[in-house]
Amino acid sequence: MNHKVLNDVKAVSGFSLSVLLSVFAVILAVYDNSYWVFFVAVSMLVLFLSVFRASKVMKA
C-alpha cells in the first residue's frame, strides 16, 4: 500500500473493521451460530468500500 492510503483514516479503519468482522464471524461459526453469514456479508461490503476508497485516494 502507498503512504497516502495508510494516512487515510477511513480506508485504514475500513480494512481493520473488515478483519475484525471476519474474525467475529469465524468465532460465531465455531459456536454454530447462524449469524456468522451476516457478519461475513457485512465484512465483504466494508472491504469493498474500503478498497474503492483506497483506489480513489491513490488516483487523487
N, C-alpha and C. Protein backbone atom coordinates (compact mmCIF):
# COMPACT_ATOMS: atom_id res chain seq x y z
N MET A 1 0.84 -1.18 0.00
CA MET A 1 0.00 0.00 0.00
C MET A 1 0.88 1.24 0.00
N ASN A 2 0.33 2.27 -0.51
CA ASN A 2 1.04 3.52 -0.59
C ASN A 2 0.88 4.31 0.71
N HIS A 3 1.77 5.26 0.88
CA HIS A 3 1.74 6.09 2.08
C HIS A 3 0.45 6.92 2.17
N LYS A 4 -0.07 7.33 1.02
CA LYS A 4 -1.32 8.10 1.01
C LYS A 4 -2.48 7.30 1.59
N VAL A 5 -2.54 6.03 1.22
CA VAL A 5 -3.64 5.17 1.68
C VAL A 5 -3.50 4.90 3.18
N LEU A 6 -2.27 4.70 3.63
CA LEU A 6 -2.06 4.41 5.04
C LEU A 6 -2.34 5.62 5.92
N ASN A 7 -2.28 6.82 5.36
CA ASN A 7 -2.62 8.02 6.12
C ASN A 7 -4.11 8.34 6.08
N ASP A 8 -4.85 7.69 5.21
CA ASP A 8 -6.28 7.92 5.12
C ASP A 8 -6.99 7.11 6.21
N VAL A 9 -7.58 7.83 7.15
CA VAL A 9 -8.18 7.19 8.32
C VAL A 9 -9.36 6.32 7.93
N LYS A 10 -10.18 6.76 7.00
CA LYS A 10 -11.36 5.99 6.61
C LYS A 10 -10.99 4.67 5.96
N ALA A 11 -9.99 4.69 5.10
CA ALA A 11 -9.59 3.46 4.42
C ALA A 11 -8.99 2.46 5.40
N VAL A 12 -8.10 2.93 6.25
CA VAL A 12 -7.45 2.04 7.21
C VAL A 12 -8.46 1.50 8.22
N SER A 13 -9.36 2.35 8.69
CA SER A 13 -10.36 1.86 9.64
C SER A 13 -11.32 0.88 8.97
N GLY A 14 -11.61 1.08 7.71
CA GLY A 14 -12.45 0.12 6.98
C GLY A 14 -11.79 -1.24 6.84
N PHE A 15 -10.49 -1.24 6.51
CA PHE A 15 -9.76 -2.51 6.42
C PHE A 15 -9.72 -3.20 7.78
N SER A 16 -9.47 -2.44 8.82
CA SER A 16 -9.40 -3.02 10.17
C SER A 16 -10.76 -3.57 10.60
N LEU A 17 -11.82 -2.83 10.32
CA LEU A 17 -13.17 -3.28 10.67
C LEU A 17 -13.53 -4.55 9.91
N SER A 18 -13.11 -4.63 8.67
CA SER A 18 -13.39 -5.82 7.88
C SER A 18 -12.71 -7.05 8.48
N VAL A 19 -11.47 -6.89 8.91
CA VAL A 19 -10.77 -8.02 9.53
C VAL A 19 -11.45 -8.41 10.84
N LEU A 20 -11.82 -7.43 11.66
CA LEU A 20 -12.48 -7.73 12.93
C LEU A 20 -13.83 -8.43 12.73
N LEU A 21 -14.58 -7.98 11.75
CA LEU A 21 -15.86 -8.63 11.46
C LEU A 21 -15.66 -10.07 10.98
N SER A 22 -14.62 -10.29 10.21
CA SER A 22 -14.34 -11.65 9.74
C SER A 22 -13.96 -12.56 10.90
N VAL A 23 -13.15 -12.06 11.81
CA VAL A 23 -12.77 -12.85 12.98
C VAL A 23 -13.99 -13.16 13.83
N PHE A 24 -14.85 -12.18 14.01
CA PHE A 24 -16.08 -12.39 14.77
C PHE A 24 -16.98 -13.42 14.08
N ALA A 25 -17.01 -13.39 12.74
CA ALA A 25 -17.81 -14.36 12.00
C ALA A 25 -17.27 -15.77 12.20
N VAL A 26 -15.96 -15.92 12.22
CA VAL A 26 -15.37 -17.24 12.43
C VAL A 26 -15.69 -17.75 13.84
N ILE A 27 -15.61 -16.86 14.81
CA ILE A 27 -15.94 -17.25 16.19
C ILE A 27 -17.40 -17.71 16.27
N LEU A 28 -18.29 -16.98 15.63
CA LEU A 28 -19.70 -17.38 15.63
C LEU A 28 -19.91 -18.71 14.92
N ALA A 29 -19.17 -18.93 13.82
CA ALA A 29 -19.30 -20.19 13.09
C ALA A 29 -18.81 -21.37 13.92
N VAL A 30 -17.76 -21.14 14.70
CA VAL A 30 -17.25 -22.22 15.55
C VAL A 30 -18.28 -22.61 16.59
N TYR A 31 -19.01 -21.63 17.11
CA TYR A 31 -20.02 -21.91 18.12
C TYR A 31 -21.40 -22.22 17.50
N ASP A 32 -21.42 -22.48 16.21
CA ASP A 32 -22.61 -22.91 15.48
C ASP A 32 -23.76 -21.90 15.57
N ASN A 33 -23.41 -20.63 15.48
CA ASN A 33 -24.40 -19.57 15.45
C ASN A 33 -24.61 -19.17 13.99
N SER A 34 -25.84 -19.08 13.56
CA SER A 34 -26.11 -18.82 12.14
C SER A 34 -25.92 -17.36 11.73
N TYR A 35 -25.66 -16.48 12.68
CA TYR A 35 -25.43 -15.08 12.35
C TYR A 35 -24.08 -14.83 11.70
N TRP A 36 -23.23 -15.83 11.63
CA TRP A 36 -21.91 -15.64 11.04
C TRP A 36 -22.01 -15.24 9.58
N VAL A 37 -23.06 -15.69 8.90
CA VAL A 37 -23.24 -15.34 7.49
C VAL A 37 -23.45 -13.84 7.33
N PHE A 38 -24.21 -13.25 8.22
CA PHE A 38 -24.43 -11.80 8.19
C PHE A 38 -23.11 -11.05 8.35
N PHE A 39 -22.27 -11.50 9.30
CA PHE A 39 -21.02 -10.80 9.54
C PHE A 39 -20.03 -10.96 8.38
N VAL A 40 -20.08 -12.09 7.70
CA VAL A 40 -19.24 -12.27 6.52
C VAL A 40 -19.70 -11.32 5.41
N ALA A 41 -21.01 -11.21 5.22
CA ALA A 41 -21.54 -10.33 4.18
C ALA A 41 -21.20 -8.87 4.47
N VAL A 42 -21.37 -8.46 5.72
CA VAL A 42 -21.04 -7.07 6.08
C VAL A 42 -19.54 -6.83 5.95
N SER A 43 -18.75 -7.81 6.30
CA SER A 43 -17.29 -7.68 6.17
C SER A 43 -16.89 -7.49 4.71
N MET A 44 -17.51 -8.25 3.83
CA MET A 44 -17.20 -8.11 2.40
C MET A 44 -17.63 -6.74 1.86
N LEU A 45 -18.76 -6.26 2.34
CA LEU A 45 -19.23 -4.94 1.92
C LEU A 45 -18.28 -3.85 2.40
N VAL A 46 -17.86 -3.93 3.65
CA VAL A 46 -16.93 -2.94 4.19
C VAL A 46 -15.59 -3.01 3.46
N LEU A 47 -15.14 -4.22 3.14
CA LEU A 47 -13.89 -4.38 2.41
C LEU A 47 -14.00 -3.78 1.01
N PHE A 48 -15.12 -4.01 0.34
CA PHE A 48 -15.34 -3.44 -0.99
C PHE A 48 -15.29 -1.92 -0.94
N LEU A 49 -15.98 -1.34 0.04
CA LEU A 49 -15.99 0.12 0.15
C LEU A 49 -14.62 0.67 0.50
N SER A 50 -13.86 -0.04 1.30
CA SER A 50 -12.52 0.41 1.68
C SER A 50 -11.56 0.35 0.49
N VAL A 51 -11.67 -0.69 -0.30
CA VAL A 51 -10.82 -0.79 -1.50
C VAL A 51 -11.19 0.30 -2.49
N PHE A 52 -12.48 0.57 -2.62
CA PHE A 52 -12.92 1.65 -3.51
C PHE A 52 -12.37 2.99 -3.03
N ARG A 53 -12.42 3.23 -1.73
CA ARG A 53 -11.89 4.46 -1.15
C ARG A 53 -10.37 4.55 -1.36
N ALA A 54 -9.66 3.46 -1.16
CA ALA A 54 -8.21 3.45 -1.34
C ALA A 54 -7.85 3.71 -2.81
N SER A 55 -8.64 3.17 -3.70
CA SER A 55 -8.41 3.41 -5.13
C SER A 55 -8.60 4.88 -5.46
N LYS A 56 -9.64 5.49 -4.87
CA LYS A 56 -9.89 6.91 -5.10
C LYS A 56 -8.75 7.77 -4.54
N VAL A 57 -8.25 7.39 -3.38
CA VAL A 57 -7.16 8.15 -2.74
C VAL A 57 -5.89 8.03 -3.59
N MET A 58 -5.64 6.85 -4.14
CA MET A 58 -4.44 6.64 -4.95
C MET A 58 -4.48 7.45 -6.24
N LYS A 59 -5.66 7.61 -6.83
CA LYS A 59 -5.79 8.34 -8.07
C LYS A 59 -5.68 9.85 -7.86
N ALA A 60 -6.06 10.32 -6.68
CA ALA A 60 -6.06 11.76 -6.41
C ALA A 60 -4.67 12.28 -6.14
